[in-house]
Amino acid sequence: GCNSYAAWNFFQVHILAQWRWDHEHEA
């Protein structure tokens, strides 16, 4: 199940955001 709706660029934004959260958290 999924109740989220987004544009295709959702995936580009959040893949990088999650990587940076995990590896560049202080920055």
mmCIF file of all heavy atoms, coordinates in Angstrom:
data_MODEL
# 
_entry.id   MODEL 
# 
loop_
_atom_site.group_PDB 
_atom_site.id 
_atom_site.type_symbol 
_atom_site.label_atom_id 
_atom_site.label_alt_id 
_atom_site.label_comp_id 
_atom_site.label_asym_id 
_atom_site.label_entity_id 
_atom_site.label_seq_id 
_atom_site.pdbx_PDB_ins_code 
_atom_site.Cartn_x 
_atom_site.Cartn_y 
_atom_site.Cartn_z 
_atom_site.occupancy 
_atom_site.B_iso_or_equiv 
_atom_site.pdbx_formal_charge 
_atom_site.auth_seq_id 
_atom_site.auth_comp_id 
_atom_site.auth_asym_id 
_atom_site.auth_atom_id 
_atom_site.pdbx_PDB_model_num 
ATOM 1   N N   . GLY A 1 1  ? 0.835  -1.205 0.000   1.00 0.00 ? 1  GLY A N   1 
ATOM 2   C CA  . GLY A 1 1  ? 0.000  0.000  0.000   1.00 0.00 ? 1  GLY A CA  1 
ATOM 3   C C   . GLY A 1 1  ? 0.866  1.251  0.000   1.00 0.00 ? 1  GLY A C   1 
ATOM 4   O O   . GLY A 1 1  ? 1.958  1.261  0.562   1.00 0.00 ? 1  GLY A O   1 
ATOM 5   N N   . CYS A 1 2  ? 0.391  2.281  -0.640  1.00 0.00 ? 2  CYS A N   1 
ATOM 6   C CA  . CYS A 1 2  ? 1.120  3.553  -0.680  1.00 0.00 ? 2  CYS A CA  1 
ATOM 7   C C   . CYS A 1 2  ? 0.121  4.677  -0.907  1.00 0.00 ? 2  CYS A C   1 
ATOM 8   O O   . CYS A 1 2  ? -0.673 4.634  -1.842  1.00 0.00 ? 2  CYS A O   1 
ATOM 9   C CB  . CYS A 1 2  ? 2.159  3.532  -1.804  1.00 0.00 ? 2  CYS A CB  1 
ATOM 10  S SG  . CYS A 1 2  ? 3.093  5.077  -1.948  1.00 0.00 ? 2  CYS A SG  1 
ATOM 11  N N   . ASN A 1 3  ? 0.187  5.696  -0.055  1.00 0.00 ? 3  ASN A N   1 
ATOM 12  C CA  . ASN A 1 3  ? -0.721 6.843  -0.168  1.00 0.00 ? 3  ASN A CA  1 
ATOM 13  C C   . ASN A 1 3  ? 0.002  8.109  -0.608  1.00 0.00 ? 3  ASN A C   1 
ATOM 14  O O   . ASN A 1 3  ? -0.558 9.200  -0.525  1.00 0.00 ? 3  ASN A O   1 
ATOM 15  C CB  . ASN A 1 3  ? -1.419 7.090  1.169   1.00 0.00 ? 3  ASN A CB  1 
ATOM 16  C CG  . ASN A 1 3  ? -2.345 5.951  1.568   1.00 0.00 ? 3  ASN A CG  1 
ATOM 17  O OD1 . ASN A 1 3  ? -3.053 5.404  0.721   1.00 0.00 ? 3  ASN A OD1 1 
ATOM 18  N ND2 . ASN A 1 3  ? -2.335 5.584  2.841   1.00 0.00 ? 3  ASN A ND2 1 
ATOM 19  N N   . SER A 1 4  ? 1.257  7.956  -1.049  1.00 0.00 ? 4  SER A N   1 
ATOM 20  C CA  . SER A 1 4  ? 2.034  9.119  -1.474  1.00 0.00 ? 4  SER A CA  1 
ATOM 21  C C   . SER A 1 4  ? 1.938  9.293  -2.986  1.00 0.00 ? 4  SER A C   1 
ATOM 22  O O   . SER A 1 4  ? 2.007  8.312  -3.737  1.00 0.00 ? 4  SER A O   1 
ATOM 23  C CB  . SER A 1 4  ? 3.508  8.946  -1.082  1.00 0.00 ? 4  SER A CB  1 
ATOM 24  O OG  . SER A 1 4  ? 3.661  8.899  0.317   1.00 0.00 ? 4  SER A OG  1 
ATOM 25  N N   . TYR A 1 5  ? 1.790  10.544 -3.417  1.00 0.00 ? 5  TYR A N   1 
ATOM 26  C CA  . TYR A 1 5  ? 1.735  10.887 -4.835  1.00 0.00 ? 5  TYR A CA  1 
ATOM 27  C C   . TYR A 1 5  ? 2.801  11.945 -5.103  1.00 0.00 ? 5  TYR A C   1 
ATOM 28  O O   . TYR A 1 5  ? 2.958  12.887 -4.326  1.00 0.00 ? 5  TYR A O   1 
ATOM 29  C CB  . TYR A 1 5  ? 0.352  11.424 -5.209  1.00 0.00 ? 5  TYR A CB  1 
ATOM 30  C CG  . TYR A 1 5  ? -0.739 10.391 -5.028  1.00 0.00 ? 5  TYR A CG  1 
ATOM 31  C CD1 . TYR A 1 5  ? -1.308 10.153 -3.780  1.00 0.00 ? 5  TYR A CD1 1 
ATOM 32  C CD2 . TYR A 1 5  ? -1.190 9.628  -6.104  1.00 0.00 ? 5  TYR A CD2 1 
ATOM 33  C CE1 . TYR A 1 5  ? -2.296 9.180  -3.603  1.00 0.00 ? 5  TYR A CE1 1 
ATOM 34  C CE2 . TYR A 1 5  ? -2.173 8.663  -5.947  1.00 0.00 ? 5  TYR A CE2 1 
ATOM 35  C CZ  . TYR A 1 5  ? -2.719 8.454  -4.689  1.00 0.00 ? 5  TYR A CZ  1 
ATOM 36  O OH  . TYR A 1 5  ? -3.695 7.493  -4.534  1.00 0.00 ? 5  TYR A OH  1 
ATOM 37  N N   . ALA A 1 6  ? 3.532  11.774 -6.184  1.00 0.00 ? 6  ALA A N   1 
ATOM 38  C CA  . ALA A 1 6  ? 4.647  12.691 -6.435  1.00 0.00 ? 6  ALA A CA  1 
ATOM 39  C C   . ALA A 1 6  ? 4.956  12.762 -7.919  1.00 0.00 ? 6  ALA A C   1 
ATOM 40  O O   . ALA A 1 6  ? 4.415  12.012 -8.732  1.00 0.00 ? 6  ALA A O   1 
ATOM 41  C CB  . ALA A 1 6  ? 5.886  12.216 -5.659  1.00 0.00 ? 6  ALA A CB  1 
ATOM 42  N N   . ALA A 1 7  ? 5.865  13.675 -8.252  1.00 0.00 ? 7  ALA A N   1 
ATOM 43  C CA  . ALA A 1 7  ? 6.417  13.752 -9.607  1.00 0.00 ? 7  ALA A CA  1 
ATOM 44  C C   . ALA A 1 7  ? 7.602  12.795 -9.677  1.00 0.00 ? 7  ALA A C   1 
ATOM 45  O O   . ALA A 1 7  ? 8.132  12.346 -8.658  1.00 0.00 ? 7  ALA A O   1 
ATOM 46  C CB  . ALA A 1 7  ? 6.856  15.180 -9.910  1.00 0.00 ? 7  ALA A CB  1 
ATOM 47  N N   . TRP A 1 8  ? 8.042  12.508 -10.876 1.00 0.00 ? 8  TRP A N   1 
ATOM 48  C CA  . TRP A 1 8  ? 9.145  11.572 -11.067 1.00 0.00 ? 8  TRP A CA  1 
ATOM 49  C C   . TRP A 1 8  ? 10.420 12.028 -10.362 1.00 0.00 ? 8  TRP A C   1 
ATOM 50  O O   . TRP A 1 8  ? 11.229 11.201 -9.928  1.00 0.00 ? 8  TRP A O   1 
ATOM 51  C CB  . TRP A 1 8  ? 9.414  11.375 -12.552 1.00 0.00 ? 8  TRP A CB  1 
ATOM 52  C CG  . TRP A 1 8  ? 8.448  10.452 -13.241 1.00 0.00 ? 8  TRP A CG  1 
ATOM 53  C CD1 . TRP A 1 8  ? 7.311  10.810 -13.912 1.00 0.00 ? 8  TRP A CD1 1 
ATOM 54  C CD2 . TRP A 1 8  ? 8.535  9.018  -13.338 1.00 0.00 ? 8  TRP A CD2 1 
ATOM 55  N NE1 . TRP A 1 8  ? 6.677  9.693  -14.412 1.00 0.00 ? 8  TRP A NE1 1 
ATOM 56  C CE2 . TRP A 1 8  ? 7.406  8.575  -14.081 1.00 0.00 ? 8  TRP A CE2 1 
ATOM 57  C CE3 . TRP A 1 8  ? 9.452  8.075  -12.881 1.00 0.00 ? 8  TRP A CE3 1 
ATOM 58  C CZ2 . TRP A 1 8  ? 7.182  7.233  -14.370 1.00 0.00 ? 8  TRP A CZ2 1 
ATOM 59  C CZ3 . TRP A 1 8  ? 9.231  6.731  -13.172 1.00 0.00 ? 8  TRP A CZ3 1 
ATOM 60  C CH2 . TRP A 1 8  ? 8.107  6.309  -13.908 1.00 0.00 ? 8  TRP A CH2 1 
ATOM 61  N N   . ASN A 1 9  ? 10.645 13.339 -10.253 1.00 0.00 ? 9  ASN A N   1 
ATOM 62  C CA  . ASN A 1 9  ? 11.893 13.802 -9.632  1.00 0.00 ? 9  ASN A CA  1 
ATOM 63  C C   . ASN A 1 9  ? 11.936 13.550 -8.126  1.00 0.00 ? 9  ASN A C   1 
ATOM 64  O O   . ASN A 1 9  ? 12.957 13.780 -7.479  1.00 0.00 ? 9  ASN A O   1 
ATOM 65  C CB  . ASN A 1 9  ? 12.140 15.281 -9.930  1.00 0.00 ? 9  ASN A CB  1 
ATOM 66  C CG  . ASN A 1 9  ? 11.130 16.204 -9.258  1.00 0.00 ? 9  ASN A CG  1 
ATOM 67  O OD1 . ASN A 1 9  ? 10.129 15.748 -8.709  1.00 0.00 ? 9  ASN A OD1 1 
ATOM 68  N ND2 . ASN A 1 9  ? 11.388 17.488 -9.313  1.00 0.00 ? 9  ASN A ND2 1 
ATOM 69  N N   . PHE A 1 10 ? 10.825 13.088 -7.545  1.00 0.00 ? 10 PHE A N   1 
ATOM 70  C CA  . PHE A 1 10 ? 10.800 12.682 -6.131  1.00 0.00 ? 10 PHE A CA  1 
ATOM 71  C C   . PHE A 1 10 ? 11.952 11.730 -5.836  1.00 0.00 ? 10 PHE A C   1 
ATOM 72  O O   . PHE A 1 10 ? 12.624 11.828 -4.801  1.00 0.00 ? 10 PHE A O   1 
ATOM 73  C CB  . PHE A 1 10 ? 9.454  12.021 -5.829  1.00 0.00 ? 10 PHE A CB  1 
ATOM 74  C CG  . PHE A 1 10 ? 9.373  11.293 -4.508  1.00 0.00 ? 10 PHE A CG  1 
ATOM 75  C CD1 . PHE A 1 10 ? 8.924  11.948 -3.366  1.00 0.00 ? 10 PHE A CD1 1 
ATOM 76  C CD2 . PHE A 1 10 ? 9.708  9.943  -4.412  1.00 0.00 ? 10 PHE A CD2 1 
ATOM 77  C CE1 . PHE A 1 10 ? 8.828  11.273 -2.157  1.00 0.00 ? 10 PHE A CE1 1 
ATOM 78  C CE2 . PHE A 1 10 ? 9.618  9.266  -3.206  1.00 0.00 ? 10 PHE A CE2 1 
ATOM 79  C CZ  . PHE A 1 10 ? 9.179  9.933  -2.074  1.00 0.00 ? 10 PHE A CZ  1 
ATOM 80  N N   . PHE A 1 11 ? 12.195 10.794 -6.748  1.00 0.00 ? 11 PHE A N   1 
ATOM 81  C CA  . PHE A 1 11 ? 13.195 9.749  -6.508  1.00 0.00 ? 11 PHE A CA  1 
ATOM 82  C C   . PHE A 1 11 ? 14.612 10.316 -6.584  1.00 0.00 ? 11 PHE A C   1 
ATOM 83  O O   . PHE A 1 11 ? 15.484 9.947  -5.793  1.00 0.00 ? 11 PHE A O   1 
ATOM 84  C CB  . PHE A 1 11 ? 12.984 8.599  -7.499  1.00 0.00 ? 11 PHE A CB  1 
ATOM 85  C CG  . PHE A 1 11 ? 11.560 8.119  -7.493  1.00 0.00 ? 11 PHE A CG  1 
ATOM 86  C CD1 . PHE A 1 11 ? 10.678 8.484  -8.504  1.00 0.00 ? 11 PHE A CD1 1 
ATOM 87  C CD2 . PHE A 1 11 ? 11.072 7.361  -6.437  1.00 0.00 ? 11 PHE A CD2 1 
ATOM 88  C CE1 . PHE A 1 11 ? 9.349  8.087  -8.474  1.00 0.00 ? 11 PHE A CE1 1 
ATOM 89  C CE2 . PHE A 1 11 ? 9.746  6.952  -6.405  1.00 0.00 ? 11 PHE A CE2 1 
ATOM 90  C CZ  . PHE A 1 11 ? 8.877  7.317  -7.422  1.00 0.00 ? 11 PHE A CZ  1 
ATOM 91  N N   . GLN A 1 12 ? 14.847 11.230 -7.509  1.00 0.00 ? 12 GLN A N   1 
ATOM 92  C CA  . GLN A 1 12 ? 16.161 11.873 -7.597  1.00 0.00 ? 12 GLN A CA  1 
ATOM 93  C C   . GLN A 1 12 ? 16.469 12.656 -6.318  1.00 0.00 ? 12 GLN A C   1 
ATOM 94  O O   . GLN A 1 12 ? 17.583 12.587 -5.793  1.00 0.00 ? 12 GLN A O   1 
ATOM 95  C CB  . GLN A 1 12 ? 16.194 12.817 -8.798  1.00 0.00 ? 12 GLN A CB  1 
ATOM 96  C CG  . GLN A 1 12 ? 16.110 12.117 -10.143 1.00 0.00 ? 12 GLN A CG  1 
ATOM 97  C CD  . GLN A 1 12 ? 15.842 13.092 -11.264 1.00 0.00 ? 12 GLN A CD  1 
ATOM 98  O OE1 . GLN A 1 12 ? 14.742 13.643 -11.368 1.00 0.00 ? 12 GLN A OE1 1 
ATOM 99  N NE2 . GLN A 1 12 ? 16.827 13.312 -12.118 1.00 0.00 ? 12 GLN A NE2 1 
ATOM 100 N N   . VAL A 1 13 ? 15.491 13.400 -5.852  1.00 0.00 ? 13 VAL A N   1 
ATOM 101 C CA  . VAL A 1 13 ? 15.691 14.244 -4.671  1.00 0.00 ? 13 VAL A CA  1 
ATOM 102 C C   . VAL A 1 13 ? 15.975 13.401 -3.429  1.00 0.00 ? 13 VAL A C   1 
ATOM 103 O O   . VAL A 1 13 ? 16.932 13.647 -2.679  1.00 0.00 ? 13 VAL A O   1 
ATOM 104 C CB  . VAL A 1 13 ? 14.449 15.135 -4.436  1.00 0.00 ? 13 VAL A CB  1 
ATOM 105 C CG1 . VAL A 1 13 ? 14.534 15.826 -3.074  1.00 0.00 ? 13 VAL A CG1 1 
ATOM 106 C CG2 . VAL A 1 13 ? 14.312 16.159 -5.550  1.00 0.00 ? 13 VAL A CG2 1 
ATOM 107 N N   . HIS A 1 14 ? 15.160 12.378 -3.213  1.00 0.00 ? 14 HIS A N   1 
ATOM 108 C CA  . HIS A 1 14 ? 15.252 11.657 -1.937  1.00 0.00 ? 14 HIS A CA  1 
ATOM 109 C C   . HIS A 1 14 ? 16.361 10.613 -1.897  1.00 0.00 ? 14 HIS A C   1 
ATOM 110 O O   . HIS A 1 14 ? 16.866 10.299 -0.808  1.00 0.00 ? 14 HIS A O   1 
ATOM 111 C CB  . HIS A 1 14 ? 13.895 11.052 -1.594  1.00 0.00 ? 14 HIS A CB  1 
ATOM 112 C CG  . HIS A 1 14 ? 12.898 12.084 -1.189  1.00 0.00 ? 14 HIS A CG  1 
ATOM 113 N ND1 . HIS A 1 14 ? 12.980 12.765 0.001   1.00 0.00 ? 14 HIS A ND1 1 
ATOM 114 C CD2 . HIS A 1 14 ? 11.831 12.609 -1.853  1.00 0.00 ? 14 HIS A CD2 1 
ATOM 115 C CE1 . HIS A 1 14 ? 12.000 13.632 0.088   1.00 0.00 ? 14 HIS A CE1 1 
ATOM 116 N NE2 . HIS A 1 14 ? 11.288 13.565 -1.033  1.00 0.00 ? 14 HIS A NE2 1 
ATOM 117 N N   . ILE A 1 15 ? 16.765 10.083 -3.025  1.00 0.00 ? 15 ILE A N   1 
ATOM 118 C CA  . ILE A 1 15 ? 17.918 9.170  -3.018  1.00 0.00 ? 15 ILE A CA  1 
ATOM 119 C C   . ILE A 1 15 ? 19.163 9.921  -2.553  1.00 0.00 ? 15 ILE A C   1 
ATOM 120 O O   . ILE A 1 15 ? 19.914 9.454  -1.691  1.00 0.00 ? 15 ILE A O   1 
ATOM 121 C CB  . ILE A 1 15 ? 18.126 8.556  -4.416  1.00 0.00 ? 15 ILE A CB  1 
ATOM 122 C CG1 . ILE A 1 15 ? 17.046 7.509  -4.699  1.00 0.00 ? 15 ILE A CG1 1 
ATOM 123 C CG2 . ILE A 1 15 ? 19.513 7.921  -4.524  1.00 0.00 ? 15 ILE A CG2 1 
ATOM 124 C CD1 . ILE A 1 15 ? 17.075 6.958  -6.116  1.00 0.00 ? 15 ILE A CD1 1 
ATOM 125 N N   . LEU A 1 16 ? 19.387 11.106 -3.125  1.00 0.00 ? 16 LEU A N   1 
ATOM 126 C CA  . LEU A 1 16 ? 20.564 11.881 -2.744  1.00 0.00 ? 16 LEU A CA  1 
ATOM 127 C C   . LEU A 1 16 ? 20.421 12.423 -1.317  1.00 0.00 ? 16 LEU A C   1 
ATOM 128 O O   . LEU A 1 16 ? 21.388 12.411 -0.545  1.00 0.00 ? 16 LEU A O   1 
ATOM 129 C CB  . LEU A 1 16 ? 20.783 13.030 -3.728  1.00 0.00 ? 16 LEU A CB  1 
ATOM 130 C CG  . LEU A 1 16 ? 22.008 13.911 -3.451  1.00 0.00 ? 16 LEU A CG  1 
ATOM 131 C CD1 . LEU A 1 16 ? 23.283 13.076 -3.408  1.00 0.00 ? 16 LEU A CD1 1 
ATOM 132 C CD2 . LEU A 1 16 ? 22.125 15.014 -4.502  1.00 0.00 ? 16 LEU A CD2 1 
ATOM 133 N N   . ALA A 1 17 ? 19.222 12.888 -0.973  1.00 0.00 ? 17 ALA A N   1 
ATOM 134 C CA  . ALA A 1 17 ? 19.019 13.428 0.378   1.00 0.00 ? 17 ALA A CA  1 
ATOM 135 C C   . ALA A 1 17 ? 19.284 12.370 1.443   1.00 0.00 ? 17 ALA A C   1 
ATOM 136 O O   . ALA A 1 17 ? 19.893 12.654 2.485   1.00 0.00 ? 17 ALA A O   1 
ATOM 137 C CB  . ALA A 1 17 ? 17.602 13.968 0.512   1.00 0.00 ? 17 ALA A CB  1 
ATOM 138 N N   . GLN A 1 18 ? 18.841 11.142 1.191   1.00 0.00 ? 18 GLN A N   1 
ATOM 139 C CA  . GLN A 1 18 ? 19.067 10.075 2.168   1.00 0.00 ? 18 GLN A CA  1 
ATOM 140 C C   . GLN A 1 18 ? 20.548 9.710  2.255   1.00 0.00 ? 18 GLN A C   1 
ATOM 141 O O   . GLN A 1 18 ? 21.074 9.488  3.358   1.00 0.00 ? 18 GLN A O   1 
ATOM 142 C CB  . GLN A 1 18 ? 18.242 8.838  1.797   1.00 0.00 ? 18 GLN A CB  1 
ATOM 143 C CG  . GLN A 1 18 ? 18.315 7.736  2.840   1.00 0.00 ? 18 GLN A CG  1 
ATOM 144 C CD  . GLN A 1 18 ? 17.770 8.178  4.185   1.00 0.00 ? 18 GLN A CD  1 
ATOM 145 O OE1 . GLN A 1 18 ? 16.664 8.705  4.279   1.00 0.00 ? 18 GLN A OE1 1 
ATOM 146 N NE2 . GLN A 1 18 ? 18.562 7.981  5.241   1.00 0.00 ? 18 GLN A NE2 1 
ATOM 147 N N   . TRP A 1 19 ? 21.230 9.659  1.111   1.00 0.00 ? 19 TRP A N   1 
ATOM 148 C CA  . TRP A 1 19 ? 22.662 9.349  1.132   1.00 0.00 ? 19 TRP A CA  1 
ATOM 149 C C   . TRP A 1 19 ? 23.421 10.405 1.923   1.00 0.00 ? 19 TRP A C   1 
ATOM 150 O O   . TRP A 1 19 ? 24.290 10.084 2.744   1.00 0.00 ? 19 TRP A O   1 
ATOM 151 C CB  . TRP A 1 19 ? 23.208 9.260  -0.299  1.00 0.00 ? 19 TRP A CB  1 
ATOM 152 C CG  . TRP A 1 19 ? 24.627 8.772  -0.332  1.00 0.00 ? 19 TRP A CG  1 
ATOM 153 C CD1 . TRP A 1 19 ? 25.056 7.484  -0.457  1.00 0.00 ? 19 TRP A CD1 1 
ATOM 154 C CD2 . TRP A 1 19 ? 25.811 9.584  -0.228  1.00 0.00 ? 19 TRP A CD2 1 
ATOM 155 N NE1 . TRP A 1 19 ? 26.427 7.430  -0.416  1.00 0.00 ? 19 TRP A NE1 1 
ATOM 156 C CE2 . TRP A 1 19 ? 26.927 8.707  -0.274  1.00 0.00 ? 19 TRP A CE2 1 
ATOM 157 C CE3 . TRP A 1 19 ? 26.038 10.956 -0.076  1.00 0.00 ? 19 TRP A CE3 1 
ATOM 158 C CZ2 . TRP A 1 19 ? 28.235 9.166  -0.194  1.00 0.00 ? 19 TRP A CZ2 1 
ATOM 159 C CZ3 . TRP A 1 19 ? 27.350 11.410 0.008   1.00 0.00 ? 19 TRP A CZ3 1 
ATOM 160 C CH2 . TRP A 1 19 ? 28.434 10.528 -0.056  1.00 0.00 ? 19 TRP A CH2 1 
ATOM 161 N N   . ARG A 1 20 ? 23.107 11.658 1.688   1.00 0.00 ? 20 ARG A N   1 
ATOM 162 C CA  . ARG A 1 20 ? 23.802 12.735 2.399   1.00 0.00 ? 20 ARG A CA  1 
ATOM 163 C C   . ARG A 1 20 ? 23.475 12.710 3.887   1.00 0.00 ? 20 ARG A C   1 
ATOM 164 O O   . ARG A 1 20 ? 24.332 12.995 4.721   1.00 0.00 ? 20 ARG A O   1 
ATOM 165 C CB  . ARG A 1 20 ? 23.429 14.097 1.800   1.00 0.00 ? 20 ARG A CB  1 
ATOM 166 C CG  . ARG A 1 20 ? 23.906 14.302 0.375   1.00 0.00 ? 20 ARG A CG  1 
ATOM 167 C CD  . ARG A 1 20 ? 23.956 15.776 0.039   1.00 0.00 ? 20 ARG A CD  1 
ATOM 168 N NE  . ARG A 1 20 ? 24.948 16.457 0.850   1.00 0.00 ? 20 ARG A NE  1 
ATOM 169 C CZ  . ARG A 1 20 ? 24.819 17.713 1.292   1.00 0.00 ? 20 ARG A CZ  1 
ATOM 170 N NH1 . ARG A 1 20 ? 23.725 18.417 1.015   1.00 0.00 ? 20 ARG A NH1 1 
ATOM 171 N NH2 . ARG A 1 20 ? 25.765 18.258 2.035   1.00 0.00 ? 20 ARG A NH2 1 
ATOM 172 N N   . TRP A 1 21 ? 22.231 12.356 4.230   1.00 0.00 ? 21 TRP A N   1 
ATOM 173 C CA  . TRP A 1 21 ? 21.839 12.257 5.645   1.00 0.00 ? 21 TRP A CA  1 
ATOM 174 C C   . TRP A 1 21 ? 22.673 11.184 6.347   1.00 0.00 ? 21 TRP A C   1 
ATOM 175 O O   . TRP A 1 21 ? 23.078 11.357 7.498   1.00 0.00 ? 21 TRP A O   1 
ATOM 176 C CB  . TRP A 1 21 ? 20.364 11.919 5.732   1.00 0.00 ? 21 TRP A CB  1 
ATOM 177 C CG  . TRP A 1 21 ? 19.766 11.951 7.097   1.00 0.00 ? 21 TRP A CG  1 
ATOM 178 C CD1 . TRP A 1 21 ? 19.531 10.895 7.925   1.00 0.00 ? 21 TRP A CD1 1 
ATOM 179 C CD2 . TRP A 1 21 ? 19.280 13.105 7.803   1.00 0.00 ? 21 TRP A CD2 1 
ATOM 180 N NE1 . TRP A 1 21 ? 18.934 11.304 9.091   1.00 0.00 ? 21 TRP A NE1 1 
ATOM 181 C CE2 . TRP A 1 21 ? 18.767 12.661 9.046   1.00 0.00 ? 21 TRP A CE2 1 
ATOM 182 C CE3 . TRP A 1 21 ? 19.229 14.465 7.492   1.00 0.00 ? 21 TRP A CE3 1 
ATOM 183 C CZ2 . TRP A 1 21 ? 18.216 13.540 9.976   1.00 0.00 ? 21 TRP A CZ2 1 
ATOM 184 C CZ3 . TRP A 1 21 ? 18.674 15.337 8.428   1.00 0.00 ? 21 TRP A CZ3 1 
ATOM 185 C CH2 . TRP A 1 21 ? 18.179 14.876 9.653   1.00 0.00 ? 21 TRP A CH2 1 
ATOM 186 N N   . ASP A 1 22 ? 22.944 10.113 5.636   1.00 0.00 ? 22 ASP A N   1 
ATOM 187 C CA  . ASP A 1 22 ? 23.702 8.992  6.209   1.00 0.00 ? 22 ASP A CA  1 
ATOM 188 C C   . ASP A 1 22 ? 25.209 9.244  6.222   1.00 0.00 ? 22 ASP A C   1 
ATOM 189 O O   . ASP A 1 22 ? 25.911 8.778  7.132   1.00 0.00 ? 22 ASP A O   1 
ATOM 190 C CB  . ASP A 1 22 ? 23.430 7.704  5.416   1.00 0.00 ? 22 ASP A CB  1 
ATOM 191 C CG  . ASP A 1 22 ? 21.991 7.239  5.539   1.00 0.00 ? 22 ASP A CG  1 
ATOM 192 O OD1 . ASP A 1 22 ? 21.329 7.577  6.533   1.00 0.00 ? 22 ASP A OD1 1 
ATOM 193 O OD2 . ASP A 1 22 ? 21.524 6.536  4.613   1.00 0.00 ? 22 ASP A OD2 1 
ATOM 194 N N   . HIS A 1 23 ? 25.732 9.972  5.222   1.00 0.00 ? 23 HIS A N   1 
ATOM 195 C CA  . HIS A 1 23 ? 27.184 10.088 5.066   1.00 0.00 ? 23 HIS A CA  1 
ATOM 196 C C   . HIS A 1 23 ? 27.738 11.496 5.278   1.00 0.00 ? 23 HIS A C   1 
ATOM 197 O O   . HIS A 1 23 ? 28.948 11.650 5.473   1.00 0.00 ? 23 HIS A O   1 
ATOM 198 C CB  . HIS A 1 23 ? 27.596 9.607  3.662   1.00 0.00 ? 23 HIS A CB  1 
ATOM 199 C CG  . HIS A 1 23 ? 27.270 8.179  3.401   1.00 0.00 ? 23 HIS A CG  1 
ATOM 200 N ND1 . HIS A 1 23 ? 26.054 7.780  2.884   1.00 0.00 ? 23 HIS A ND1 1 
ATOM 201 C CD2 . HIS A 1 23 ? 27.991 7.045  3.597   1.00 0.00 ? 23 HIS A CD2 1 
ATOM 202 C CE1 . HIS A 1 23 ? 26.049 6.454  2.757   1.00 0.00 ? 23 HIS A CE1 1 
ATOM 203 N NE2 . HIS A 1 23 ? 27.205 5.987  3.182   1.00 0.00 ? 23 HIS A NE2 1 
ATOM 204 N N   . GLU A 1 24 ? 26.903 12.513 5.220   1.00 0.00 ? 24 GLU A N   1 
ATOM 205 C CA  . GLU A 1 24 ? 27.353 13.905 5.396   1.00 0.00 ? 24 GLU A CA  1 
ATOM 206 C C   . GLU A 1 24 ? 26.412 14.642 6.349   1.00 0.00 ? 24 GLU A C   1 
ATOM 207 O O   . GLU A 1 24 ? 25.988 15.768 6.086   1.00 0.00 ? 24 GLU A O   1 
ATOM 208 C CB  . GLU A 1 24 ? 27.396 14.611 4.032   1.00 0.00 ? 24 GLU A CB  1 
ATOM 209 C CG  . GLU A 1 24 ? 28.323 13.953 3.013   1.00 0.00 ? 24 GLU A CG  1 
ATOM 210 C CD  . GLU A 1 24 ? 28.247 14.608 1.640   1.00 0.00 ? 24 GLU A CD  1 
ATOM 211 O OE1 . GLU A 1 24 ? 27.324 15.441 1.424   1.00 0.00 ? 24 GLU A OE1 1 
ATOM 212 O OE2 . GLU A 1 24 ? 29.088 14.307 0.785   1.00 0.00 ? 24 GLU A OE2 1 
ATOM 213 N N   . HIS A 1 25 ? 26.085 13.972 7.440   1.00 0.00 ? 25 HIS A N   1 
ATOM 214 C CA  . HIS A 1 25 ? 25.028 14.466 8.328   1.00 0.00 ? 25 HIS A CA  1 
ATOM 215 C C   . HIS A 1 25 ? 25.330 15.866 8.884   1.00 0.00 ? 25 HIS A C   1 
ATOM 216 O O   . HIS A 1 25 ? 24.450 16.730 8.904   1.00 0.00 ? 25 HIS A O   1 
ATOM 217 C CB  . HIS A 1 25 ? 24.817 13.482 9.478   1.00 0.00 ? 25 HIS A CB  1 
ATOM 218 C CG  . HIS A 1 25 ? 23.584 13.765 10.283  1.00 0.00 ? 25 HIS A CG  1 
ATOM 219 N ND1 . HIS A 1 25 ? 22.315 13.501 9.806   1.00 0.00 ? 25 HIS A ND1 1 
ATOM 220 C CD2 . HIS A 1 25 ? 23.416 14.327 11.507  1.00 0.00 ? 25 HIS A CD2 1 
ATOM 221 C CE1 . HIS A 1 25 ? 21.426 13.868 10.706  1.00 0.00 ? 25 HIS A CE1 1 
ATOM 222 N NE2 . HIS A 1 25 ? 22.067 14.366 11.755  1.00 0.00 ? 25 HIS A NE2 1 
ATOM 223 N N   . GLU A 1 26 ? 26.555 16.081 9.356   1.00 0.00 ? 26 GLU A N   1 
ATOM 224 C CA  . GLU A 1 26 ? 26.890 17.380 9.939   1.00 0.00 ? 26 GLU A CA  1 
ATOM 225 C C   . GLU A 1 26 ? 26.768 18.500 8.916   1.00 0.00 ? 26 GLU A C   1 
ATOM 226 O O   . GLU A 1 26 ? 26.268 19.596 9.226   1.00 0.00 ? 26 GLU A O   1 
ATOM 227 C CB  . GLU A 1 26 ? 28.299 17.348 10.527  1.00 0.00 ? 26 GLU A CB  1 
ATOM 228 C CG  . GLU A 1 26 ? 28.417 16.491 11.793  1.00 0.00 ? 26 GLU A CG  1 
ATOM 229 C CD  . GLU A 1 26 ? 29.788 16.596 12.425  1.00 0.00 ? 26 GLU A CD  1 
ATOM 230 O OE1 . GLU A 1 26 ? 30.594 17.443 11.974  1.00 0.00 ? 26 GLU A OE1 1 
ATOM 231 O OE2 . GLU A 1 26 ? 30.060 15.832 13.376  1.00 0.00 ? 26 GLU A OE2 1 
ATOM 232 N N   . ALA A 1 27 ? 27.227 18.235 7.700   1.00 0.00 ? 27 ALA A N   1 
ATOM 233 C CA  . ALA A 1 27 ? 27.132 19.252 6.641   1.00 0.00 ? 27 ALA A CA  1 
ATOM 234 C C   . ALA A 1 27 ? 25.672 19.543 6.307   1.00 0.00 ? 27 ALA A C   1 
ATOM 235 O O   . ALA A 1 27 ? 25.283 20.703 6.102   1.00 0.00 ? 27 ALA A O   1 
ATOM 236 C CB  . ALA A 1 27 ? 27.880 18.786 5.397   1.00 0.00 ? 27 ALA A CB  1 
# 
